[in-house]
N, C-alpha and C. Protein backbone atom coordinates (compact mmCIF):
# COMPACT_ATOMS: atom_id res chain seq x y z
N MET A 1 21.82 -21.71 7.88
CA MET A 1 20.34 -22.05 8.13
C MET A 1 19.68 -20.77 8.79
N GLU A 2 18.58 -20.39 8.22
CA GLU A 2 17.93 -19.09 8.61
C GLU A 2 16.95 -19.47 9.74
N ASP A 3 16.78 -18.60 10.78
CA ASP A 3 15.72 -18.74 11.78
C ASP A 3 14.51 -18.23 11.35
N PRO A 4 13.37 -19.06 11.18
CA PRO A 4 12.07 -18.62 10.75
C PRO A 4 11.46 -17.49 11.62
N GLN A 5 11.65 -17.54 12.97
CA GLN A 5 11.07 -16.51 13.81
C GLN A 5 11.87 -15.27 13.58
N PHE A 6 13.12 -15.26 13.35
CA PHE A 6 13.78 -14.13 13.06
C PHE A 6 13.43 -13.45 11.70
N GLN A 7 13.23 -14.26 10.76
CA GLN A 7 12.74 -13.80 9.49
C GLN A 7 11.35 -13.30 9.56
N ARG A 8 10.50 -13.78 10.35
CA ARG A 8 9.17 -13.11 10.60
C ARG A 8 9.21 -11.88 11.32
N PHE A 9 10.13 -11.78 12.33
CA PHE A 9 10.29 -10.59 13.01
C PHE A 9 10.73 -9.45 12.18
N LEU A 10 11.85 -9.78 11.30
CA LEU A 10 12.33 -8.89 10.35
C LEU A 10 11.37 -8.36 9.40
N GLN A 11 10.42 -9.33 8.84
CA GLN A 11 9.46 -8.86 7.97
C GLN A 11 8.42 -7.90 8.64
N MET A 12 8.09 -8.26 9.83
CA MET A 12 7.06 -7.44 10.58
C MET A 12 7.79 -6.00 10.70
N GLU A 13 8.98 -6.00 11.20
CA GLU A 13 9.68 -4.61 11.44
C GLU A 13 9.78 -3.88 10.10
N THR A 14 10.03 -4.50 8.93
CA THR A 14 10.07 -3.94 7.69
C THR A 14 8.73 -3.32 7.31
N GLN A 15 7.64 -4.01 7.58
CA GLN A 15 6.33 -3.54 7.36
C GLN A 15 6.00 -2.35 8.18
N LYS A 16 6.41 -2.30 9.49
CA LYS A 16 6.12 -1.15 10.36
C LYS A 16 6.82 0.06 9.78
N GLN A 17 8.16 -0.16 9.34
CA GLN A 17 8.92 1.00 8.93
C GLN A 17 8.26 1.47 7.55
N ARG A 18 7.79 0.69 6.64
CA ARG A 18 7.17 1.17 5.56
C ARG A 18 5.79 1.90 5.92
N PHE A 19 5.08 1.46 6.91
CA PHE A 19 3.84 2.09 7.24
C PHE A 19 4.25 3.54 7.76
N GLN A 20 5.28 3.52 8.66
CA GLN A 20 5.63 4.90 9.26
C GLN A 20 6.15 5.90 8.15
N GLN A 21 6.86 5.38 7.08
CA GLN A 21 7.28 6.23 6.07
C GLN A 21 6.05 6.67 5.23
N LEU A 22 5.08 5.87 5.10
CA LEU A 22 3.87 6.24 4.35
C LEU A 22 3.06 7.34 5.07
N VAL A 23 3.10 7.24 6.44
CA VAL A 23 2.44 8.21 7.26
C VAL A 23 3.13 9.59 7.21
N HIS A 24 4.46 9.44 7.28
CA HIS A 24 5.29 10.80 7.11
C HIS A 24 5.04 11.35 5.75
N THR A 25 5.05 10.60 4.71
CA THR A 25 4.87 11.12 3.34
C THR A 25 3.41 11.84 3.30
N LEU A 26 2.42 11.07 3.74
CA LEU A 26 1.11 11.57 3.64
C LEU A 26 1.08 12.88 4.48
N THR A 27 1.54 12.85 5.68
CA THR A 27 1.56 14.17 6.46
C THR A 27 2.18 15.31 5.79
N ASP A 28 3.25 15.09 5.15
CA ASP A 28 4.07 16.15 4.54
C ASP A 28 3.25 16.66 3.37
N GLN A 29 2.59 15.82 2.58
CA GLN A 29 1.86 16.11 1.36
C GLN A 29 0.54 16.91 1.73
N CYS A 30 -0.11 16.42 2.71
CA CYS A 30 -1.33 17.05 3.16
C CYS A 30 -1.10 18.35 3.87
N TRP A 31 0.04 18.47 4.59
CA TRP A 31 0.32 19.66 5.25
C TRP A 31 0.66 20.77 4.20
N ASP A 32 1.41 20.40 3.15
CA ASP A 32 1.76 21.33 2.13
C ASP A 32 0.48 21.91 1.48
N VAL A 33 -0.42 20.96 1.22
CA VAL A 33 -1.65 21.31 0.49
C VAL A 33 -2.60 22.13 1.21
N CYS A 34 -2.84 21.75 2.49
CA CYS A 34 -3.98 22.28 3.38
C CYS A 34 -3.49 23.34 4.33
N MET A 35 -2.30 23.33 4.86
CA MET A 35 -2.03 24.29 5.97
C MET A 35 -1.51 25.59 5.42
N GLY A 36 -2.29 26.68 5.68
CA GLY A 36 -1.80 28.02 5.32
C GLY A 36 -0.85 28.53 6.38
N ASN A 37 -1.44 29.49 7.20
CA ASN A 37 -0.78 29.95 8.25
C ASN A 37 -1.15 29.37 9.57
N PRO A 38 -0.38 28.54 10.12
CA PRO A 38 -0.74 27.84 11.49
C PRO A 38 -1.13 28.87 12.59
N GLY A 39 -2.18 28.47 13.26
CA GLY A 39 -2.59 29.37 14.32
C GLY A 39 -2.90 28.52 15.58
N GLN A 40 -3.69 29.08 16.43
CA GLN A 40 -3.95 28.40 17.76
C GLN A 40 -4.91 27.24 17.59
N LYS A 41 -5.80 27.41 16.59
CA LYS A 41 -6.72 26.36 16.30
C LYS A 41 -6.83 26.18 14.81
N MET A 42 -7.32 24.98 14.52
CA MET A 42 -7.48 24.61 13.02
C MET A 42 -8.90 24.95 12.68
N ASP A 43 -9.00 25.77 11.57
CA ASP A 43 -10.42 26.04 11.23
C ASP A 43 -11.13 24.91 10.48
N ARG A 44 -12.35 24.96 10.19
CA ARG A 44 -13.19 23.98 9.51
C ARG A 44 -12.62 23.69 8.17
N LYS A 45 -12.19 24.68 7.41
CA LYS A 45 -11.83 24.58 6.12
C LYS A 45 -10.61 23.83 6.03
N THR A 46 -9.67 24.06 6.87
CA THR A 46 -8.33 23.33 7.00
C THR A 46 -8.55 21.91 7.47
N GLU A 47 -9.41 21.81 8.42
CA GLU A 47 -9.61 20.37 8.84
C GLU A 47 -10.26 19.52 7.77
N SER A 48 -11.22 20.10 7.09
CA SER A 48 -11.84 19.39 5.95
C SER A 48 -10.97 19.06 4.87
N CYS A 49 -9.95 20.03 4.65
CA CYS A 49 -8.90 19.80 3.60
C CYS A 49 -7.96 18.58 4.02
N PHE A 50 -7.70 18.48 5.20
CA PHE A 50 -6.81 17.37 5.71
C PHE A 50 -7.58 16.03 5.63
N VAL A 51 -8.88 16.05 5.97
CA VAL A 51 -9.73 14.83 5.92
C VAL A 51 -9.72 14.30 4.45
N ASN A 52 -10.17 15.27 3.64
CA ASN A 52 -10.23 14.93 2.08
C ASN A 52 -8.88 14.51 1.54
N CYS A 53 -7.84 15.14 1.99
CA CYS A 53 -6.52 14.79 1.42
C CYS A 53 -6.09 13.42 1.93
N VAL A 54 -6.24 13.09 3.17
CA VAL A 54 -6.05 11.67 3.66
C VAL A 54 -6.84 10.63 2.91
N GLU A 55 -8.15 10.92 2.82
CA GLU A 55 -9.04 9.95 2.22
C GLU A 55 -8.70 9.80 0.70
N ARG A 56 -8.34 10.76 -0.07
CA ARG A 56 -7.82 10.58 -1.53
C ARG A 56 -6.56 9.94 -1.54
N PHE A 57 -5.60 10.15 -0.57
CA PHE A 57 -4.34 9.53 -0.52
C PHE A 57 -4.63 7.93 -0.39
N ILE A 58 -5.54 7.67 0.56
CA ILE A 58 -5.85 6.21 0.84
C ILE A 58 -6.50 5.54 -0.39
N ASP A 59 -7.45 6.31 -0.97
CA ASP A 59 -8.10 5.81 -2.20
C ASP A 59 -7.09 5.55 -3.30
N ALA A 60 -6.24 6.48 -3.46
CA ALA A 60 -5.26 6.24 -4.56
C ALA A 60 -4.25 5.05 -4.25
N SER A 61 -3.92 4.92 -2.97
CA SER A 61 -3.11 3.83 -2.59
C SER A 61 -3.71 2.47 -2.84
N ASN A 62 -5.11 2.43 -2.48
CA ASN A 62 -5.82 1.26 -2.66
C ASN A 62 -6.06 0.96 -4.06
N PHE A 63 -6.25 1.87 -4.92
CA PHE A 63 -6.44 1.72 -6.29
C PHE A 63 -5.16 1.17 -6.97
N ILE A 64 -4.02 1.66 -6.55
CA ILE A 64 -2.70 1.22 -7.10
C ILE A 64 -2.49 -0.16 -6.67
N VAL A 65 -2.68 -0.54 -5.44
CA VAL A 65 -2.55 -2.00 -4.96
C VAL A 65 -3.37 -2.91 -5.62
N ASN A 66 -4.65 -2.56 -5.84
CA ASN A 66 -5.60 -3.41 -6.45
C ASN A 66 -5.24 -3.56 -7.97
N ARG A 67 -4.81 -2.52 -8.68
CA ARG A 67 -4.41 -2.60 -10.08
C ARG A 67 -3.22 -3.52 -10.22
N LEU A 68 -2.20 -3.33 -9.29
CA LEU A 68 -0.96 -4.17 -9.33
C LEU A 68 -1.37 -5.66 -9.12
N GLU A 69 -2.27 -5.84 -8.16
CA GLU A 69 -2.69 -7.22 -7.94
C GLU A 69 -3.27 -7.90 -9.19
N LYS A 70 -4.25 -7.06 -9.79
CA LYS A 70 -4.91 -7.58 -11.02
C LYS A 70 -3.95 -7.77 -12.13
N GLU A 71 -3.02 -6.90 -12.36
CA GLU A 71 -2.04 -7.20 -13.38
C GLU A 71 -1.18 -8.36 -13.07
N GLY A 72 -0.88 -8.51 -11.78
CA GLY A 72 -0.14 -9.77 -11.45
C GLY A 72 -0.95 -11.04 -11.70
N ASP A 73 -2.28 -11.04 -11.35
CA ASP A 73 -2.98 -12.10 -11.59
C ASP A 73 -3.17 -12.48 -13.05
N ASN A 74 -3.30 -11.36 -13.88
CA ASN A 74 -3.39 -11.60 -15.28
C ASN A 74 -2.11 -12.15 -15.90
N TYR A 75 -1.01 -11.73 -15.23
CA TYR A 75 0.30 -12.28 -15.78
C TYR A 75 0.45 -13.80 -15.48
N VAL A 76 0.01 -14.10 -14.22
CA VAL A 76 0.11 -15.61 -13.85
C VAL A 76 -0.80 -16.34 -14.62
N GLN A 77 -1.95 -15.92 -14.98
CA GLN A 77 -2.97 -16.61 -15.90
C GLN A 77 -2.39 -16.86 -17.22
N GLN A 78 -1.73 -15.73 -17.76
CA GLN A 78 -1.06 -15.86 -19.03
C GLN A 78 0.05 -16.85 -19.05
N GLU A 79 0.78 -16.90 -17.97
CA GLU A 79 1.95 -17.80 -17.93
C GLU A 79 1.48 -19.30 -17.65
N THR A 80 0.38 -19.39 -17.02
CA THR A 80 -0.01 -20.83 -16.64
C THR A 80 -1.10 -21.36 -17.65
N GLY A 81 -1.59 -20.65 -18.55
CA GLY A 81 -2.70 -21.05 -19.49
C GLY A 81 -4.03 -20.79 -18.88
N SER A 82 -5.05 -21.18 -19.66
CA SER A 82 -6.41 -20.84 -19.23
C SER A 82 -6.87 -21.70 -18.21
N HIS A 83 -6.32 -22.76 -17.85
CA HIS A 83 -6.78 -23.63 -16.78
C HIS A 83 -6.16 -23.38 -15.46
N GLY A 84 -5.25 -22.42 -15.35
CA GLY A 84 -4.64 -22.03 -14.10
C GLY A 84 -3.41 -22.93 -13.76
N LEU A 85 -3.13 -23.92 -14.68
CA LEU A 85 -1.96 -24.89 -14.38
C LEU A 85 -1.02 -24.75 -15.62
N SER A 86 0.17 -24.91 -15.35
CA SER A 86 1.19 -24.87 -16.42
C SER A 86 0.97 -26.21 -17.32
N GLU A 87 1.24 -25.98 -18.61
CA GLU A 87 1.12 -26.97 -19.55
C GLU A 87 2.05 -28.27 -19.26
N ASP A 88 3.17 -27.90 -18.47
CA ASP A 88 4.08 -28.90 -18.07
C ASP A 88 3.84 -29.56 -16.78
N PHE A 89 2.71 -29.11 -16.21
CA PHE A 89 2.32 -29.68 -14.76
C PHE A 89 1.86 -31.13 -14.93
N LYS A 90 2.51 -31.94 -14.14
CA LYS A 90 2.02 -33.38 -14.09
C LYS A 90 1.73 -33.63 -12.70
N TRP A 91 0.65 -34.31 -12.43
CA TRP A 91 0.20 -34.65 -11.09
C TRP A 91 1.20 -35.65 -10.52
N GLN A 92 1.73 -35.40 -9.27
CA GLN A 92 2.67 -36.36 -8.71
C GLN A 92 1.94 -36.96 -7.37
N GLY A 93 1.59 -38.13 -7.47
CA GLY A 93 1.04 -38.72 -6.35
C GLY A 93 0.83 -40.26 -6.36
């Protein structure tokens, strides 16, 4: 028998880990693209590059998630028919 609280805790920790990995990946990619020679201060051009890099990365991530959700919805609709219910569905009540 599985403990629901433990499962929820495990799920939350897994989500935290995925988020941290995403932040590290984003940081690495934007650093490679934007940072030339590190100095005492970040100039406006570099700062602007980081902002644009992060925003584009977020836009791309959102696009991918939305696209996958849409494809998943389309798949469910195809599997369940045009009425949203399976042909084999019978009301039980």
